[in-house]
Amino acid sequence: RYVIEQGKGLVLVVNKWDLIQKDT
């Protein structure tokens, strides 16, 4: 359960970073 929560957080961070990269 904890690992899945960490994975979700990591995915959210990657998605945000990807959006920033596209915006630039």
C-alpha atoms as a PDB file:
ATOM      1  CA  ARG A   1       0.000   0.000   0.000  1.00  0.00           C
ATOM      2  CA  TYR A   2       2.750   2.451   0.970  1.00  0.00           C
ATOM      3  CA  VAL A   3       4.778   1.663  -2.139  1.00  0.00           C
ATOM      4  CA  ILE A   4       1.754   2.348  -4.353  1.00  0.00           C
ATOM      5  CA  GLU A   5       1.234   5.719  -2.646  1.00  0.00           C
ATOM      6  CA  GLN A   6       4.879   6.605  -3.310  1.00  0.00           C
ATOM      7  CA  GLY A   7       4.494   5.526  -6.935  1.00  0.00           C
ATOM      8  CA  LYS A   8       1.444   7.756  -7.397  1.00  0.00           C
ATOM      9  CA  GLY A   9       3.331  10.721  -5.939  1.00  0.00           C
ATOM     10  CA  LEU A  10       6.267  10.077  -8.257  1.00  0.00           C
ATOM     11  CA  VAL A  11       3.952   9.913 -11.280  1.00  0.00           C
ATOM     12  CA  LEU A  12       2.360  13.234 -10.285  1.00  0.00           C
ATOM     13  CA  VAL A  13       5.780  14.876 -10.008  1.00  0.00           C
ATOM     14  CA  VAL A  14       6.863  13.499 -13.396  1.00  0.00           C
ATOM     15  CA  ASN A  15       3.621  14.685 -15.007  1.00  0.00           C
ATOM     16  CA  LYS A  16       4.082  18.193 -13.575  1.00  0.00           C
ATOM     17  CA  TRP A  17       7.699  18.286 -14.787  1.00  0.00           C
ATOM     18  CA  ASP A  18       6.593  17.093 -18.224  1.00  0.00           C
ATOM     19  CA  LEU A  19       4.012  19.894 -18.414  1.00  0.00           C
ATOM     20  CA  ILE A  20       6.656  22.467 -17.473  1.00  0.00           C
ATOM     21  CA  GLN A  21       9.008  21.089 -20.138  1.00  0.00           C
ATOM     22  CA  LYS A  22       6.276  21.304 -22.796  1.00  0.00           C
ATOM     23  CA  ASP A  23       5.380  24.856 -21.725  1.00  0.00           C
ATOM     24  CA  THR A  24       8.996  25.998 -22.112  1.00  0.00           C
END
